[in-house]
C-alpha atoms as a PDB file:
ATOM      1  CA  MET A   1     -36.978 214.545 385.477  1.00  0.00           C
ATOM      2  CA  PRO A   2     -37.383 216.272 382.113  1.00  0.00           C
ATOM      3  CA  MET A   3     -39.047 219.310 382.343  1.00  0.00           C
ATOM      4  CA  VAL A   4     -42.086 218.269 380.162  1.00  0.00           C
ATOM      5  CA  MET A   5     -42.772 215.570 382.645  1.00  0.00           C
ATOM      6  CA  GLN A   6     -42.157 217.889 385.342  1.00  0.00           C
ATOM      7  CA  GLU A   7     -44.786 219.994 384.336  1.00  0.00           C
ATOM      8  CA  LYS A   8     -47.279 217.493 384.358  1.00  0.00           C
ATOM      9  CA  GLY A   9     -46.923 216.530 388.010  1.00  0.00           C
ATOM     10  CA  GLY A  10     -43.305 214.846 387.735  1.00  0.00           C
ATOM     11  CA  TRP A  11     -43.332 211.453 390.070  1.00  0.00           C
ATOM     12  CA  GLU A  12     -46.543 212.676 391.300  1.00  0.00           C
ATOM     13  CA  ASN A  13     -47.999 211.584 388.189  1.00  0.00           C
ATOM     14  CA  ARG A  14     -48.441 208.026 387.412  1.00  0.00           C
ATOM     15  CA  ASP A  15     -47.974 208.511 383.702  1.00  0.00           C
ATOM     16  CA  VAL A  16     -44.488 209.017 384.297  1.00  0.00           C
ATOM     17  CA  VAL A  17     -44.028 205.155 385.426  1.00  0.00           C
ATOM     18  CA  GLU A  18     -45.050 204.233 381.782  1.00  0.00           C
ATOM     19  CA  ALA A  19     -42.618 206.866 380.261  1.00  0.00           C
ATOM     20  CA  PHE A  20     -40.050 205.634 382.629  1.00  0.00           C
ATOM     21  CA  GLY A  21     -40.647 202.092 381.367  1.00  0.00           C
ATOM     22  CA  ARG A  22     -40.424 203.073 377.773  1.00  0.00           C
ATOM     23  CA  TYR A  23     -36.945 205.104 378.654  1.00  0.00           C
ATOM     24  CA  ALA A  24     -35.466 202.014 380.314  1.00  0.00           C
ATOM     25  CA  GLN A  25     -36.737 199.687 377.184  1.00  0.00           C
ATOM     26  CA  THR A  26     -35.050 202.252 374.962  1.00  0.00           C
ATOM     27  CA  CYS A  27     -31.920 201.658 376.633  1.00  0.00           C
ATOM     28  CA  PHE A  28     -32.017 197.917 376.978  1.00  0.00           C
ATOM     29  CA  THR A  29     -32.455 197.823 373.210  1.00  0.00           C
ATOM     30  CA  LEU A  30     -29.694 200.267 372.189  1.00  0.00           C
ATOM     31  CA  PHE A  31     -27.198 198.926 374.690  1.00  0.00           C
ATOM     32  CA  GLY A  32     -28.099 195.769 375.990  1.00  0.00           C
ATOM     33  CA  ASP A  33     -25.598 193.904 373.945  1.00  0.00           C
ATOM     34  CA  ARG A  34     -22.812 195.766 375.502  1.00  0.00           C
ATOM     35  CA  VAL A  35     -23.712 196.950 378.941  1.00  0.00           C
ATOM     36  CA  LYS A  36     -24.250 193.970 381.263  1.00  0.00           C
ATOM     37  CA  HIS A  37     -24.635 195.896 384.852  1.00  0.00           C
ATOM     38  CA  TRP A  38     -28.052 198.051 385.082  1.00  0.00           C
ATOM     39  CA  PHE A  39     -29.011 200.244 387.829  1.00  0.00           C
ATOM     40  CA  THR A  40     -32.619 201.292 387.626  1.00  0.00           C
ATOM     41  CA  PHE A  41     -32.209 204.377 390.229  1.00  0.00           C
ATOM     42  CA  ASN A  42     -29.295 205.884 392.646  1.00  0.00           C
ATOM     43  CA  GLU A  43     -30.590 206.975 395.813  1.00  0.00           C
ATOM     44  CA  PRO A  44     -34.550 207.204 394.882  1.00  0.00           C
ATOM     45  CA  ILE A  45     -35.362 208.467 398.419  1.00  0.00           C
ATOM     46  CA  VAL A  46     -33.574 212.060 397.999  1.00  0.00           C
ATOM     47  CA  PRO A  47     -36.095 213.560 395.407  1.00  0.00           C
ATOM     48  CA  VAL A  48     -38.448 212.239 397.881  1.00  0.00           C
ATOM     49  CA  GLU A  49     -36.882 213.849 401.022  1.00  0.00           C
ATOM     50  CA  GLY A  50     -35.492 216.978 399.305  1.00  0.00           C
ATOM     51  CA  GLY A  51     -38.571 217.529 396.790  1.00  0.00           C
ATOM     52  CA  TYR A  52     -41.340 216.575 398.822  1.00  0.00           C
ATOM     53  CA  LEU A  53     -40.346 216.608 402.688  1.00  0.00           C
ATOM     54  CA  TYR A  54     -37.657 218.836 403.755  1.00  0.00           C
ATOM     55  CA  ASP A  55     -37.638 221.498 401.061  1.00  0.00           C
ATOM     56  CA  PHE A  56     -34.043 221.178 399.943  1.00  0.00           C
ATOM     57  CA  HIS A  57     -34.712 220.511 396.230  1.00  0.00           C
ATOM     58  CA  TYR A  58     -37.239 221.609 393.415  1.00  0.00           C
ATOM     59  CA  PRO A  59     -40.049 221.436 393.574  1.00  0.00           C
ATOM     60  CA  ASN A  60     -39.832 222.210 397.235  1.00  0.00           C
ATOM     61  CA  VAL A  61     -42.879 220.749 398.457  1.00  0.00           C
ATOM     62  CA  VAL A  62     -43.365 219.650 402.206  1.00  0.00           C
ATOM     63  CA  ASP A  63     -46.391 217.030 402.223  1.00  0.00           C
ATOM     64  CA  PHE A  64     -46.130 213.519 403.401  1.00  0.00           C
ATOM     65  CA  LYS A  65     -48.655 211.976 401.292  1.00  0.00           C
ATOM     66  CA  ARG A  66     -47.264 213.764 398.082  1.00  0.00           C
ATOM     67  CA  ALA A  67     -43.904 212.582 399.096  1.00  0.00           C
ATOM     68  CA  ALA A  68     -45.282 208.972 399.726  1.00  0.00           C
ATOM     69  CA  THR A  69     -47.004 208.843 396.157  1.00  0.00           C
ATOM     70  CA  VAL A  70     -43.595 209.957 394.536  1.00  0.00           C
ATOM     71  CA  ALA A  71     -41.768 206.988 396.397  1.00  0.00           C
ATOM     72  CA  TYR A  72     -44.341 204.473 395.318  1.00  0.00           C
ATOM     73  CA  HIS A  73     -44.285 205.388 391.707  1.00  0.00           C
ATOM     74  CA  THR A  74     -40.756 205.241 391.692  1.00  0.00           C
ATOM     75  CA  VAL A  75     -40.876 201.845 392.891  1.00  0.00           C
ATOM     76  CA  LEU A  76     -43.357 201.022 390.289  1.00  0.00           C
ATOM     77  CA  ALA A  77     -41.235 202.636 387.680  1.00  0.00           C
ATOM     78  CA  HIS A  78     -38.126 200.517 389.030  1.00  0.00           C
ATOM     79  CA  SER A  79     -40.316 197.535 388.878  1.00  0.00           C
ATOM     80  CA  THR A  80     -41.287 198.211 385.119  1.00  0.00           C
ATOM     81  CA  ALA A  81     -37.759 198.907 384.145  1.00  0.00           C
ATOM     82  CA  VAL A  82     -36.781 195.371 385.932  1.00  0.00           C
ATOM     83  CA  ARG A  83     -39.950 193.618 384.286  1.00  0.00           C
ATOM     84  CA  ALA A  84     -38.680 194.754 380.755  1.00  0.00           C
ATOM     85  CA  TRP A  85     -35.359 193.815 381.177  1.00  0.00           C
ATOM     86  CA  ARG A  86     -36.186 190.261 382.025  1.00  0.00           C
ATOM     87  CA  ALA A  87     -38.639 189.937 379.063  1.00  0.00           C
ATOM     88  CA  GLY A  88     -35.731 191.047 376.820  1.00  0.00           C
ATOM     89  CA  ARG A  89     -33.730 187.891 378.203  1.00  0.00           C
ATOM     90  CA  TYR A  90     -30.626 190.422 378.011  1.00  0.00           C
ATOM     91  CA  ASP A  91     -27.432 188.924 379.072  1.00  0.00           C
ATOM     92  CA  GLY A  92     -26.123 190.337 382.534  1.00  0.00           C
ATOM     93  CA  GLU A  93     -27.809 191.831 385.642  1.00  0.00           C
ATOM     94  CA  ILE A  94     -30.060 194.315 386.879  1.00  0.00           C
ATOM     95  CA  GLY A  95     -30.303 196.190 390.405  1.00  0.00           C
ATOM     96  CA  ILE A  96     -30.532 199.533 392.215  1.00  0.00           C
ATOM     97  CA  VAL A  97     -28.445 201.932 394.305  1.00  0.00           C
ATOM     98  CA  LEU A  98     -29.793 202.610 397.780  1.00  0.00           C
ATOM     99  CA  ASN A  99     -28.501 204.895 400.250  1.00  0.00           C
ATOM    100  CA  LEU A 100     -28.915 203.224 403.362  1.00  0.00           C
ATOM    101  CA  THR A 101     -28.884 204.893 406.851  1.00  0.00           C
ATOM    102  CA  PRO A 102     -28.883 202.543 410.010  1.00  0.00           C
ATOM    103  CA  SER A 103     -31.364 203.912 412.561  1.00  0.00           C
ATOM    104  CA  TYR A 104     -29.910 203.691 415.950  1.00  0.00           C
ATOM    105  CA  PRO A 105     -32.188 203.960 419.118  1.00  0.00           C
ATOM    106  CA  ARG A 106     -31.148 206.124 422.040  1.00  0.00           C
ATOM    107  CA  SER A 107     -31.417 202.851 424.431  1.00  0.00           C
ATOM    108  CA  GLN A 108     -33.311 199.801 424.546  1.00  0.00           C
ATOM    109  CA  HIS A 109     -36.405 201.237 426.322  1.00  0.00           C
ATOM    110  CA  PRO A 110     -39.251 199.980 423.928  1.00  0.00           C
ATOM    111  CA  ALA A 111     -40.139 203.553 423.287  1.00  0.00           C
ATOM    112  CA  ASP A 112     -36.763 204.266 421.711  1.00  0.00           C
ATOM    113  CA  VAL A 113     -36.406 201.019 419.868  1.00  0.00           C
ATOM    114  CA  GLN A 114     -39.829 201.520 418.491  1.00  0.00           C
ATOM    115  CA  ALA A 115     -38.556 205.090 417.338  1.00  0.00           C
ATOM    116  CA  ALA A 116     -35.847 203.341 415.531  1.00  0.00           C
ATOM    117  CA  HIS A 117     -38.170 200.884 413.983  1.00  0.00           C
ATOM    118  CA  HIS A 118     -40.320 203.828 412.585  1.00  0.00           C
ATOM    119  CA  ALA A 119     -37.541 205.721 410.912  1.00  0.00           C
ATOM    120  CA  ASP A 120     -35.937 202.643 409.626  1.00  0.00           C
ATOM    121  CA  LEU A 121     -39.296 201.541 408.138  1.00  0.00           C
ATOM    122  CA  LEU A 122     -39.660 205.330 406.164  1.00  0.00           C
ATOM    123  CA  PHE A 123     -36.253 205.839 405.214  1.00  0.00           C
ATOM    124  CA  ASN A 124     -34.745 202.442 404.365  1.00  0.00           C
ATOM    125  CA  ARG A 125     -37.258 199.527 403.882  1.00  0.00           C
ATOM    126  CA  SER A 126     -39.653 201.591 402.098  1.00  0.00           C
ATOM    127  CA  PHE A 127     -37.165 200.868 399.022  1.00  0.00           C
ATOM    128  CA  LEU A 128     -35.312 197.839 400.333  1.00  0.00           C
ATOM    129  CA  ASP A 129     -38.133 195.551 400.948  1.00  0.00           C
ATOM    130  CA  PRO A 130     -39.653 196.069 397.288  1.00  0.00           C
ATOM    131  CA  VAL A 131     -36.479 195.618 395.613  1.00  0.00           C
ATOM    132  CA  LEU A 132     -35.108 192.486 397.650  1.00  0.00           C
ATOM    133  CA  LYS A 133     -38.576 190.936 398.891  1.00  0.00           C
ATOM    134  CA  GLY A 134     -40.894 192.068 396.079  1.00  0.00           C
ATOM    135  CA  GLU A 135     -43.387 193.532 398.852  1.00  0.00           C
ATOM    136  CA  TYR A 136     -43.625 196.470 400.904  1.00  0.00           C
ATOM    137  CA  PRO A 137     -43.288 195.743 405.035  1.00  0.00           C
ATOM    138  CA  ALA A 138     -46.629 194.925 406.605  1.00  0.00           C
ATOM    139  CA  ASP A 139     -45.562 197.697 409.319  1.00  0.00           C
ATOM    140  CA  LEU A 140     -44.972 200.196 407.188  1.00  0.00           C
ATOM    141  CA  VAL A 141     -48.455 199.749 405.219  1.00  0.00           C
ATOM    142  CA  ALA A 142     -50.041 199.689 408.550  1.00  0.00           C
ATOM    143  CA  LEU A 143     -48.572 202.793 410.028  1.00  0.00           C
ATOM    144  CA  LEU A 144     -49.360 204.687 406.455  1.00  0.00           C
ATOM    145  CA  LYS A 145     -52.703 203.770 406.765  1.00  0.00           C
ATOM    146  CA  THR A 146     -53.148 204.873 410.464  1.00  0.00           C
ATOM    147  CA  TYR A 147     -52.298 208.192 409.488  1.00  0.00           C
ATOM    148  CA  ASP A 148     -54.123 208.196 406.421  1.00  0.00           C
ATOM    149  CA  GLN A 149     -51.062 208.612 403.964  1.00  0.00           C
ATOM    150  CA  LEU A 150     -51.206 205.450 401.704  1.00  0.00           C
ATOM    151  CA  PRO A 151     -50.704 206.239 398.082  1.00  0.00           C
ATOM    152  CA  ALA A 152     -53.342 205.267 395.421  1.00  0.00           C
ATOM    153  CA  CYS A 153     -52.591 201.568 394.397  1.00  0.00           C
ATOM    154  CA  GLN A 154     -54.199 200.053 391.126  1.00  0.00           C
ATOM    155  CA  PRO A 155     -54.901 196.304 390.544  1.00  0.00           C
ATOM    156  CA  GLY A 156     -52.161 194.779 389.353  1.00  0.00           C
ATOM    157  CA  ASP A 157     -49.413 196.714 391.217  1.00  0.00           C
ATOM    158  CA  ARG A 158     -48.787 194.197 393.969  1.00  0.00           C
ATOM    159  CA  GLN A 159     -47.481 191.925 391.148  1.00  0.00           C
ATOM    160  CA  LEU A 160     -45.597 194.406 389.471  1.00  0.00           C
ATOM    161  CA  ILE A 161     -43.753 195.058 392.953  1.00  0.00           C
ATOM    162  CA  ALA A 162     -43.148 191.435 393.064  1.00  0.00           C
ATOM    163  CA  ASP A 163     -41.387 191.534 389.528  1.00  0.00           C
ATOM    164  CA  GLY A 164     -39.248 194.260 390.584  1.00  0.00           C
ATOM    165  CA  LYS A 165     -36.711 191.854 392.731  1.00  0.00           C
ATOM    166  CA  ILE A 166     -33.237 192.544 391.752  1.00  0.00           C
ATOM    167  CA  ASP A 167     -29.725 190.864 391.201  1.00  0.00           C
ATOM    168  CA  LEU A 168     -27.434 193.456 392.632  1.00  0.00           C
ATOM    169  CA  LEU A 169     -27.772 196.005 395.103  1.00  0.00           C
ATOM    170  CA  GLY A 170     -25.542 199.026 395.139  1.00  0.00           C
ATOM    171  CA  ILE A 171     -25.043 200.640 398.784  1.00  0.00           C
ATOM    172  CA  ASN A 172     -24.118 204.209 399.467  1.00  0.00           C
ATOM    173  CA  TYR A 173     -23.253 204.578 403.142  1.00  0.00           C
ATOM    174  CA  TYR A 174     -22.187 207.923 404.644  1.00  0.00           C
ATOM    175  CA  GLN A 175     -23.914 208.184 408.315  1.00  0.00           C
ATOM    176  CA  PRO A 176     -26.040 206.741 411.002  1.00  0.00           C
ATOM    177  CA  ARG A 177     -29.386 208.202 412.039  1.00  0.00           C
ATOM    178  CA  ARG A 178     -29.831 208.254 416.063  1.00  0.00           C
ATOM    179  CA  VAL A 179     -33.317 208.680 417.354  1.00  0.00           C
ATOM    180  CA  LYS A 180     -35.473 208.301 420.165  1.00  0.00           C
ATOM    181  CA  CYS A 181     -38.991 208.253 421.350  1.00  0.00           C
ATOM    182  CA  ARG A 182     -40.642 211.905 421.147  1.00  0.00           C
ATOM    183  CA  ASP A 183     -40.233 214.072 424.390  1.00  0.00           C
ATOM    184  CA  THR A 184     -42.962 215.993 423.370  1.00  0.00           C
ATOM    185  CA  ALA A 185     -46.400 215.587 421.919  1.00  0.00           C
ATOM    186  CA  VAL A 186     -47.120 216.455 418.243  1.00  0.00           C
ATOM    187  CA  ASN A 187     -49.714 219.101 417.336  1.00  0.00           C
ATOM    188  CA  PRO A 188     -52.461 217.395 415.818  1.00  0.00           C
ATOM    189  CA  GLN A 189     -53.423 220.198 413.778  1.00  0.00           C
ATOM    190  CA  ALA A 190     -49.971 220.399 412.345  1.00  0.00           C
ATOM    191  CA  PRO A 191     -49.551 218.117 408.991  1.00  0.00           C
ATOM    192  CA  PHE A 192     -48.159 214.878 409.302  1.00  0.00           C
ATOM    193  CA  MET A 193     -44.446 214.610 408.872  1.00  0.00           C
ATOM    194  CA  PRO A 194     -41.967 211.396 409.615  1.00  0.00           C
ATOM    195  CA  GLU A 195     -40.846 213.504 412.935  1.00  0.00           C
ATOM    196  CA  TRP A 196     -44.403 212.844 414.411  1.00  0.00           C
ATOM    197  CA  LEU A 197     -43.045 209.055 415.193  1.00  0.00           C
ATOM    198  CA  PHE A 198     -39.301 209.959 416.672  1.00  0.00           C
ATOM    199  CA  ASP A 199     -36.893 212.631 417.719  1.00  0.00           C
ATOM    200  CA  TYR A 200     -33.476 212.900 416.630  1.00  0.00           C
ATOM    201  CA  TYR A 201     -31.079 212.234 419.029  1.00  0.00           C
ATOM    202  CA  ASP A 202     -27.556 213.948 419.660  1.00  0.00           C
ATOM    203  CA  MET A 203     -25.278 211.224 421.010  1.00  0.00           C
ATOM    204  CA  PRO A 204     -22.859 212.510 423.357  1.00  0.00           C
ATOM    205  CA  GLY A 205     -19.050 211.688 422.235  1.00  0.00           C
ATOM    206  CA  ARG A 206     -19.832 210.898 418.452  1.00  0.00           C
ATOM    207  CA  LYS A 207     -17.237 211.618 416.056  1.00  0.00           C
ATOM    208  CA  MET A 208     -18.655 214.056 413.557  1.00  0.00           C
ATOM    209  CA  ASN A 209     -17.333 215.450 410.104  1.00  0.00           C
ATOM    210  CA  PRO A 210     -17.838 219.348 410.749  1.00  0.00           C
ATOM    211  CA  TYR A 211     -17.981 220.143 406.951  1.00  0.00           C
ATOM    212  CA  ARG A 212     -21.082 217.899 406.449  1.00  0.00           C
ATOM    213  CA  GLY A 213     -22.460 217.856 409.897  1.00  0.00           C
ATOM    214  CA  TRP A 214     -22.510 213.976 409.572  1.00  0.00           C
ATOM    215  CA  GLU A 215     -21.520 211.390 412.013  1.00  0.00           C
ATOM    216  CA  ILE A 216     -18.478 209.086 411.180  1.00  0.00           C
ATOM    217  CA  TYR A 217     -19.595 205.589 412.466  1.00  0.00           C
ATOM    218  CA  ALA A 218     -17.823 203.018 410.509  1.00  0.00           C
ATOM    219  CA  PRO A 219     -19.683 200.055 412.151  1.00  0.00           C
ATOM    220  CA  GLY A 220     -22.807 201.122 410.416  1.00  0.00           C
ATOM    221  CA  ILE A 221     -21.369 199.513 407.182  1.00  0.00           C
ATOM    222  CA  TYR A 222     -21.008 195.939 408.900  1.00  0.00           C
ATOM    223  CA  ASP A 223     -24.651 196.523 410.370  1.00  0.00           C
ATOM    224  CA  ILE A 224     -26.017 197.034 406.849  1.00  0.00           C
ATOM    225  CA  ILE A 225     -24.690 194.257 405.395  1.00  0.00           C
ATOM    226  CA  THR A 226     -25.056 191.721 407.978  1.00  0.00           C
ATOM    227  CA  ASN A 227     -28.672 192.970 408.393  1.00  0.00           C
ATOM    228  CA  LEU A 228     -29.022 192.006 404.476  1.00  0.00           C
ATOM    229  CA  ARG A 229     -27.650 188.728 405.385  1.00  0.00           C
ATOM    230  CA  ASP A 230     -29.813 187.723 408.134  1.00  0.00           C
ATOM    231  CA  ASN A 231     -32.848 189.683 406.998  1.00  0.00           C
ATOM    232  CA  TYR A 232     -32.808 189.481 403.256  1.00  0.00           C
ATOM    233  CA  GLY A 233     -31.531 186.122 402.160  1.00  0.00           C
ATOM    234  CA  ASN A 234     -27.837 187.621 401.778  1.00  0.00           C
ATOM    235  CA  PRO A 235     -28.304 189.390 398.392  1.00  0.00           C
ATOM    236  CA  ARG A 236     -25.163 190.191 396.096  1.00  0.00           C
ATOM    237  CA  CYS A 237     -24.100 193.687 396.675  1.00  0.00           C
ATOM    238  CA  PHE A 238     -21.141 195.929 396.879  1.00  0.00           C
ATOM    239  CA  ILE A 239     -20.604 199.449 398.452  1.00  0.00           C
ATOM    240  CA  SER A 240     -21.295 202.081 395.688  1.00  0.00           C
ATOM    241  CA  GLU A 241     -20.460 204.872 397.903  1.00  0.00           C
ATOM    242  CA  ASN A 242     -18.623 205.810 400.854  1.00  0.00           C
ATOM    243  CA  GLY A 243     -16.258 208.718 401.425  1.00  0.00           C
ATOM    244  CA  MET A 244     -15.877 212.035 403.455  1.00  0.00           C
ATOM    245  CA  GLY A 245     -16.167 215.470 402.249  1.00  0.00           C
ATOM    246  CA  VAL A 246     -13.932 218.313 403.720  1.00  0.00           C
ATOM    247  CA  GLU A 247     -14.020 221.681 402.976  1.00  0.00           C
ATOM    248  CA  ASN A 248     -10.841 223.886 401.968  1.00  0.00           C
ATOM    249  CA  GLU A 249      -8.289 220.840 401.830  1.00  0.00           C
ATOM    250  CA  GLN A 250      -5.537 223.437 400.616  1.00  0.00           C
ATOM    251  CA  ARG A 251      -4.279 223.908 404.558  1.00  0.00           C
ATOM    252  CA  PHE A 252      -2.906 220.297 404.382  1.00  0.00           C
ATOM    253  CA  VAL A 253      -0.784 220.745 401.442  1.00  0.00           C
ATOM    254  CA  GLN A 254       2.689 219.607 401.901  1.00  0.00           C
ATOM    255  CA  ALA A 255       5.320 219.795 399.210  1.00  0.00           C
ATOM    256  CA  GLY A 256       2.620 220.265 396.504  1.00  0.00           C
ATOM    257  CA  GLN A 257       0.321 217.515 397.652  1.00  0.00           C
ATOM    258  CA  ILE A 258      -2.735 217.632 399.937  1.00  0.00           C
ATOM    259  CA  HIS A 259      -1.866 215.226 402.832  1.00  0.00           C
ATOM    260  CA  ASP A 260      -5.401 213.853 403.759  1.00  0.00           C
ATOM    261  CA  ASP A 261      -4.910 211.455 406.549  1.00  0.00           C
ATOM    262  CA  TYR A 262      -8.531 211.928 407.999  1.00  0.00           C
ATOM    263  CA  ARG A 263      -9.612 210.447 404.625  1.00  0.00           C
ATOM    264  CA  ILE A 264      -7.099 207.487 405.020  1.00  0.00           C
ATOM    265  CA  ASP A 265      -8.407 206.903 408.420  1.00  0.00           C
ATOM    266  CA  PHE A 266     -12.227 207.121 407.460  1.00  0.00           C
ATOM    267  CA  ILE A 267     -11.695 204.521 404.665  1.00  0.00           C
ATOM    268  CA  SER A 268      -9.435 202.208 406.392  1.00  0.00           C
ATOM    269  CA  GLU A 269     -12.063 201.932 409.261  1.00  0.00           C
ATOM    270  CA  HIS A 270     -14.841 201.415 407.201  1.00  0.00           C
ATOM    271  CA  LEU A 271     -12.705 198.842 405.263  1.00  0.00           C
ATOM    272  CA  LYS A 272     -11.991 196.807 408.306  1.00  0.00           C
ATOM    273  CA  TRP A 273     -15.540 196.706 409.570  1.00  0.00           C
ATOM    274  CA  LEU A 274     -16.844 195.703 405.695  1.00  0.00           C
ATOM    275  CA  HIS A 275     -13.658 192.849 405.703  1.00  0.00           C
ATOM    276  CA  LYS A 276     -15.222 191.428 409.111  1.00  0.00           C
ATOM    277  CA  GLY A 277     -18.723 191.241 407.530  1.00  0.00           C
ATOM    278  CA  ILE A 278     -17.340 189.552 404.442  1.00  0.00           C
ATOM    279  CA  SER A 279     -15.669 187.224 406.295  1.00  0.00           C
ATOM    280  CA  GLU A 280     -18.735 186.366 408.474  1.00  0.00           C
ATOM    281  CA  GLY A 281     -20.477 185.387 405.137  1.00  0.00           C
ATOM    282  CA  CYS A 282     -21.930 188.571 403.715  1.00  0.00           C
ATOM    283  CA  HIS A 283     -21.998 188.698 400.122  1.00  0.00           C
ATOM    284  CA  CYS A 284     -20.453 191.878 399.541  1.00  0.00           C
ATOM    285  CA  LEU A 285     -18.494 191.971 396.115  1.00  0.00           C
ATOM    286  CA  GLY A 286     -16.534 195.171 396.585  1.00  0.00           C
ATOM    287  CA  TYR A 287     -15.987 199.049 397.445  1.00  0.00           C
ATOM    288  CA  HIS A 288     -16.388 202.093 395.662  1.00  0.00           C
ATOM    289  CA  MET A 289     -15.347 204.996 397.224  1.00  0.00           C
ATOM    290  CA  TRP A 290     -16.697 208.534 396.699  1.00  0.00           C
ATOM    291  CA  THR A 291     -15.108 209.882 394.750  1.00  0.00           C
ATOM    292  CA  PHE A 292     -12.164 209.584 392.479  1.00  0.00           C
ATOM    293  CA  ILE A 293     -11.782 213.207 391.741  1.00  0.00           C
ATOM    294  CA  ASP A 294     -13.033 216.251 393.489  1.00  0.00           C
ATOM    295  CA  ASN A 295     -16.649 216.740 392.185  1.00  0.00           C
ATOM    296  CA  TRP A 296     -19.515 219.264 391.862  1.00  0.00           C
ATOM    297  CA  SER A 297     -22.544 218.766 394.278  1.00  0.00           C
ATOM    298  CA  TRP A 298     -25.968 219.634 393.246  1.00  0.00           C
ATOM    299  CA  LEU A 299     -26.154 221.382 396.855  1.00  0.00           C
ATOM    300  CA  ASN A 300     -22.940 222.719 397.430  1.00  0.00           C
ATOM    301  CA  GLY A 301     -20.965 223.102 394.150  1.00  0.00           C
ATOM    302  CA  TYR A 302     -17.149 222.454 395.024  1.00  0.00           C
ATOM    303  CA  LYS A 303     -17.379 223.731 398.850  1.00  0.00           C
ATOM    304  CA  ASN A 304     -16.627 219.927 400.130  1.00  0.00           C
ATOM    305  CA  ARG A 305     -14.018 217.847 398.454  1.00  0.00           C
ATOM    306  CA  TYR A 306     -14.384 214.198 398.350  1.00  0.00           C
ATOM    307  CA  GLY A 307     -11.681 213.120 395.656  1.00  0.00           C
ATOM    308  CA  PHE A 308      -8.714 210.984 395.774  1.00  0.00           C
ATOM    309  CA  VAL A 309      -7.492 213.680 393.167  1.00  0.00           C
ATOM    310  CA  GLN A 310      -7.328 217.080 393.879  1.00  0.00           C
ATOM    311  CA  LEU A 311      -9.159 219.088 391.264  1.00  0.00           C
ATOM    312  CA  ASP A 312      -7.805 223.145 390.779  1.00  0.00           C
ATOM    313  CA  LEU A 313     -10.761 224.976 389.215  1.00  0.00           C
ATOM    314  CA  ALA A 314      -8.738 227.263 387.975  1.00  0.00           C
ATOM    315  CA  THR A 315      -6.235 225.807 386.283  1.00  0.00           C
ATOM    316  CA  GLN A 316      -8.123 222.286 385.667  1.00  0.00           C
ATOM    317  CA  THR A 317      -4.847 220.598 386.893  1.00  0.00           C
ATOM    318  CA  ARG A 318      -5.362 217.330 388.759  1.00  0.00           C
ATOM    319  CA  THR A 319      -3.094 216.025 391.491  1.00  0.00           C
ATOM    320  CA  VAL A 320      -3.390 212.706 393.337  1.00  0.00           C
ATOM    321  CA  LYS A 321      -3.776 213.147 397.104  1.00  0.00           C
ATOM    322  CA  LYS A 322      -1.964 211.270 399.671  1.00  0.00           C
ATOM    323  CA  SER A 323      -5.130 209.242 400.147  1.00  0.00           C
ATOM    324  CA  GLY A 324      -5.125 208.282 396.373  1.00  0.00           C
ATOM    325  CA  GLU A 325      -1.475 207.004 396.846  1.00  0.00           C
ATOM    326  CA  TRP A 326      -2.523 204.999 399.785  1.00  0.00           C
ATOM    327  CA  PHE A 327      -5.610 203.615 397.948  1.00  0.00           C
ATOM    328  CA  ALA A 328      -3.752 202.563 395.053  1.00  0.00           C
ATOM    329  CA  ALA A 329      -1.300 200.391 397.192  1.00  0.00           C
ATOM    330  CA  THR A 330      -4.286 198.927 398.936  1.00  0.00           C
ATOM    331  CA  ALA A 331      -5.819 197.975 395.984  1.00  0.00           C
ATOM    332  CA  GLU A 332      -2.729 196.571 394.556  1.00  0.00           C
ATOM    333  CA  HIS A 333      -1.981 194.368 397.719  1.00  0.00           C
ATOM    334  CA  ASN A 334      -5.504 193.641 398.421  1.00  0.00           C
ATOM    335  CA  GLY A 335      -5.082 195.055 401.833  1.00  0.00           C
ATOM    336  CA  PHE A 336      -3.223 196.911 404.332  1.00  0.00           C
ATOM    337  CA  ASP A 337      -1.632 196.913 407.651  1.00  0.00           C
END
């Protein structure tokens, strides 16, 4: 977000929707003859969560209704860009990249199942349904209305959202979300938050990446694409991000190379489940691992390393890790044993 726009309220200010549309149109005009694959946003829910719910990104606000407004205006901005792209009849396709985190209930008890449904509505379907179905889930609208958290709408918004349906979906998948029904009552005097509707569940025996605090659950990638197949018309999609960040990988150097067998295990397990989904008819076109080379993070700098290629910050030397050689062979042979 340009600072001049953030000073006017950023995504809380509806004027940003029009500004984003002009920005997108400028990009299409300048590069539309060469760029054939466009994505309006990458992980648009992250600024919502970080900036307006959980206080880990600027502007460090904790206010659900403002968060809902930011999310709503982001969807409108996306749709404005898609509408402009289609009006220009450009050659190619347009989409969005969403980080999808499947919500799994603690049990099949109706209260746990409802908790998972609410988490899914708030964190997945709030973007997934508008871009694939052209409308918000009725359950989500009713839920926000119940708690007086609906953002302000204007005439024409419904048609604009309907015009924002995409050609191609990028999926970022790292971890599942485990939830249960609340064991304690909420404080009715406290501001509304998503956790009014569920509690997080620490499932016994789950496999964790201790460096990120994220659960490793490869079947989640299968559940995402089969859900798209069964409930969203089987859209064209691809895995745009999936990977494992590990701290202090120098511990694993052998003969000058990082032997990151844990990363090979992570990727191979996810690819097995992805292959299963594709073999069952899911329209997934490919897999992009995060990431090619150790990269800088907005939150953690270079603390956790994700790359196939090691980056020495002092010398800028690049060295292929064991996982990089394995993945190159996997790509060359279109599979692995």
